[in-house]
Amino acid sequence: MTRRPFAPKVIAANDLFDGEAVWLTADDAWTRDMGQAELIEDEAIADDRLLFASAQANVVVGAYLVDAK
C-alpha cells in the first residue's frame, strides 16, 4: 500500500469562551486570523503540534488538523 504524501496543515480549534474559530500560530498563540496560522509541512511536527494544541483545554476545545496551502 502506498502512502499519500503529507499535505500541509494548520491547526484549528474553537475558543473555549465564545466558540469562535481560532488557529494556532508558530509562537504558540491562538489567533482569529487564519492568515497568521502556522503552516505545518511535516507530519511528525503536525502530530506534536496537535498534541500541544489539544493540551490547551483551558483555552480551546476540539483542536484538529486542517489541510492548507
N, C-alpha and C. Protein backbone atom coordinates (compact mmCIF):
# COMPACT_ATOMS: atom_id res chain seq x y z
N MET A 1 0.84 -1.18 0.00
CA MET A 1 0.00 0.00 0.00
C MET A 1 0.89 1.25 0.00
N THR A 2 0.62 2.15 -0.89
CA THR A 2 1.40 3.38 -1.00
C THR A 2 0.79 4.48 -0.13
N ARG A 3 1.67 5.18 0.55
CA ARG A 3 1.21 6.30 1.36
C ARG A 3 1.13 7.56 0.52
N ARG A 4 0.08 8.30 0.76
CA ARG A 4 -0.03 9.60 0.09
C ARG A 4 0.92 10.58 0.74
N PRO A 5 1.48 11.49 -0.05
CA PRO A 5 2.37 12.50 0.55
C PRO A 5 1.60 13.35 1.56
N PHE A 6 2.31 13.82 2.57
CA PHE A 6 1.69 14.65 3.59
C PHE A 6 1.31 16.00 3.00
N ALA A 7 0.07 16.39 3.16
CA ALA A 7 -0.40 17.70 2.70
C ALA A 7 -0.19 18.71 3.84
N PRO A 8 0.28 19.93 3.54
CA PRO A 8 0.46 20.94 4.59
C PRO A 8 -0.83 21.14 5.38
N LYS A 9 -0.65 21.48 6.66
CA LYS A 9 -1.79 21.63 7.56
C LYS A 9 -1.66 22.88 8.42
N VAL A 10 -2.77 23.31 8.98
CA VAL A 10 -2.83 24.26 10.07
C VAL A 10 -3.67 23.61 11.16
N ILE A 11 -3.58 24.14 12.37
CA ILE A 11 -4.38 23.61 13.46
C ILE A 11 -5.47 24.61 13.80
N ALA A 12 -6.70 24.10 13.79
CA ALA A 12 -7.87 24.91 14.12
C ALA A 12 -8.49 24.36 15.40
N ALA A 13 -9.23 25.22 16.07
CA ALA A 13 -9.97 24.82 17.28
C ALA A 13 -11.06 25.86 17.49
N ASN A 14 -11.79 25.71 18.57
CA ASN A 14 -12.79 26.70 18.95
C ASN A 14 -12.41 27.30 20.28
N ASP A 15 -12.52 28.63 20.36
CA ASP A 15 -12.25 29.33 21.60
C ASP A 15 -13.17 28.80 22.69
N LEU A 16 -12.63 28.51 23.84
CA LEU A 16 -13.38 27.91 24.93
C LEU A 16 -14.51 28.82 25.41
N PHE A 17 -14.30 30.13 25.38
CA PHE A 17 -15.27 31.04 25.98
C PHE A 17 -16.38 31.50 25.04
N ASP A 18 -16.06 31.69 23.75
CA ASP A 18 -17.11 32.18 22.86
C ASP A 18 -17.39 31.27 21.67
N GLY A 19 -16.62 30.18 21.53
CA GLY A 19 -16.87 29.22 20.47
C GLY A 19 -16.37 29.61 19.10
N GLU A 20 -15.78 30.79 18.97
CA GLU A 20 -15.27 31.24 17.67
C GLU A 20 -14.09 30.39 17.22
N ALA A 21 -13.93 30.25 15.91
CA ALA A 21 -12.81 29.51 15.34
C ALA A 21 -11.51 30.27 15.58
N VAL A 22 -10.48 29.52 15.97
CA VAL A 22 -9.15 30.09 16.17
C VAL A 22 -8.12 29.14 15.56
N TRP A 23 -6.94 29.68 15.26
CA TRP A 23 -5.86 28.92 14.64
C TRP A 23 -4.60 29.10 15.47
N LEU A 24 -3.80 28.04 15.52
CA LEU A 24 -2.55 28.06 16.28
C LEU A 24 -1.45 28.72 15.45
N THR A 25 -0.72 29.63 16.09
CA THR A 25 0.39 30.30 15.42
C THR A 25 1.71 29.61 15.76
N ALA A 26 2.76 29.95 15.05
CA ALA A 26 4.08 29.35 15.28
C ALA A 26 4.64 29.69 16.66
N ASP A 27 4.17 30.78 17.26
CA ASP A 27 4.66 31.16 18.60
C ASP A 27 3.71 30.71 19.72
N ASP A 28 2.94 29.66 19.45
CA ASP A 28 2.07 29.01 20.44
C ASP A 28 0.90 29.87 20.91
N ALA A 29 0.51 30.84 20.13
CA ALA A 29 -0.65 31.67 20.46
C ALA A 29 -1.84 31.23 19.60
N TRP A 30 -3.02 31.66 19.98
CA TRP A 30 -4.23 31.40 19.19
C TRP A 30 -4.67 32.70 18.55
N THR A 31 -5.04 32.65 17.29
CA THR A 31 -5.45 33.84 16.56
C THR A 31 -6.77 33.58 15.84
N ARG A 32 -7.53 34.65 15.63
CA ARG A 32 -8.76 34.55 14.84
C ARG A 32 -8.49 34.81 13.36
N ASP A 33 -7.24 35.21 13.04
CA ASP A 33 -6.83 35.49 11.67
C ASP A 33 -6.15 34.26 11.07
N MET A 34 -6.86 33.54 10.21
CA MET A 34 -6.33 32.31 9.63
C MET A 34 -5.00 32.56 8.91
N GLY A 35 -4.80 33.75 8.39
CA GLY A 35 -3.56 34.08 7.69
C GLY A 35 -2.34 34.05 8.59
N GLN A 36 -2.53 34.10 9.90
CA GLN A 36 -1.41 34.06 10.84
C GLN A 36 -1.14 32.65 11.37
N ALA A 37 -1.93 31.68 10.93
CA ALA A 37 -1.76 30.31 11.39
C ALA A 37 -0.42 29.74 10.94
N GLU A 38 0.15 28.89 11.78
CA GLU A 38 1.39 28.20 11.43
C GLU A 38 1.11 27.16 10.35
N LEU A 39 1.82 27.24 9.25
CA LEU A 39 1.69 26.25 8.18
C LEU A 39 2.67 25.12 8.49
N ILE A 40 2.15 23.94 8.70
CA ILE A 40 2.96 22.79 9.11
C ILE A 40 3.13 21.87 7.90
N GLU A 41 4.39 21.61 7.53
CA GLU A 41 4.66 20.84 6.32
C GLU A 41 5.30 19.49 6.60
N ASP A 42 5.37 19.10 7.86
CA ASP A 42 5.97 17.82 8.24
C ASP A 42 4.98 17.07 9.13
N GLU A 43 4.74 15.81 8.81
CA GLU A 43 3.73 15.03 9.52
C GLU A 43 4.05 14.85 11.00
N ALA A 44 5.31 14.58 11.33
CA ALA A 44 5.69 14.38 12.73
C ALA A 44 5.50 15.67 13.53
N ILE A 45 5.85 16.79 12.94
CA ILE A 45 5.67 18.08 13.61
C ILE A 45 4.18 18.37 13.77
N ALA A 46 3.40 18.04 12.77
CA ALA A 46 1.94 18.23 12.85
C ALA A 46 1.37 17.44 14.02
N ASP A 47 1.81 16.20 14.18
CA ASP A 47 1.34 15.38 15.29
C ASP A 47 1.71 15.99 16.64
N ASP A 48 2.95 16.46 16.76
CA ASP A 48 3.40 17.10 18.01
C ASP A 48 2.62 18.38 18.30
N ARG A 49 2.42 19.18 17.27
CA ARG A 49 1.70 20.45 17.46
C ARG A 49 0.23 20.20 17.83
N LEU A 50 -0.36 19.15 17.26
CA LEU A 50 -1.74 18.82 17.61
C LEU A 50 -1.83 18.37 19.07
N LEU A 51 -0.86 17.61 19.53
CA LEU A 51 -0.83 17.23 20.95
C LEU A 51 -0.73 18.47 21.84
N PHE A 52 0.14 19.41 21.45
CA PHE A 52 0.27 20.66 22.20
C PHE A 52 -1.07 21.41 22.23
N ALA A 53 -1.69 21.52 21.07
CA ALA A 53 -2.96 22.25 20.98
C ALA A 53 -4.05 21.57 21.80
N SER A 54 -4.10 20.27 21.75
CA SER A 54 -5.12 19.52 22.49
C SER A 54 -4.95 19.65 24.00
N ALA A 55 -3.74 19.93 24.44
CA ALA A 55 -3.47 20.10 25.87
C ALA A 55 -3.89 21.48 26.38
N GLN A 56 -4.35 22.35 25.49
CA GLN A 56 -4.73 23.71 25.85
C GLN A 56 -6.22 23.79 26.24
N ALA A 57 -6.68 22.82 27.01
CA ALA A 57 -8.11 22.70 27.33
C ALA A 57 -8.66 23.88 28.11
N ASN A 58 -7.80 24.69 28.70
CA ASN A 58 -8.27 25.88 29.41
C ASN A 58 -8.44 27.07 28.47
N VAL A 59 -8.10 26.88 27.18
CA VAL A 59 -8.18 27.97 26.19
C VAL A 59 -9.07 27.60 25.00
N VAL A 60 -8.92 26.37 24.49
CA VAL A 60 -9.65 25.94 23.29
C VAL A 60 -10.23 24.54 23.47
N VAL A 61 -11.17 24.22 22.60
CA VAL A 61 -11.72 22.86 22.54
C VAL A 61 -11.72 22.39 21.09
N GLY A 62 -11.63 21.09 20.91
CA GLY A 62 -11.78 20.50 19.58
C GLY A 62 -10.68 20.80 18.61
N ALA A 63 -9.42 20.83 19.05
CA ALA A 63 -8.31 21.10 18.12
C ALA A 63 -8.20 19.98 17.08
N TYR A 64 -7.95 20.38 15.84
CA TYR A 64 -7.83 19.39 14.75
C TYR A 64 -6.97 19.96 13.63
N LEU A 65 -6.43 19.05 12.81
CA LEU A 65 -5.60 19.45 11.67
C LEU A 65 -6.49 19.72 10.46
N VAL A 66 -6.14 20.77 9.71
CA VAL A 66 -6.89 21.16 8.52
C VAL A 66 -5.92 21.29 7.35
N ASP A 67 -6.24 20.71 6.21
CA ASP A 67 -5.41 20.90 5.02
C ASP A 67 -5.34 22.38 4.68
N ALA A 68 -4.15 22.83 4.26
CA ALA A 68 -3.95 24.24 3.94
C ALA A 68 -2.92 24.39 2.83
N LYS A 69 -2.92 25.57 2.23
CA LYS A 69 -1.93 25.92 1.21
C LYS A 69 -1.22 27.19 1.61
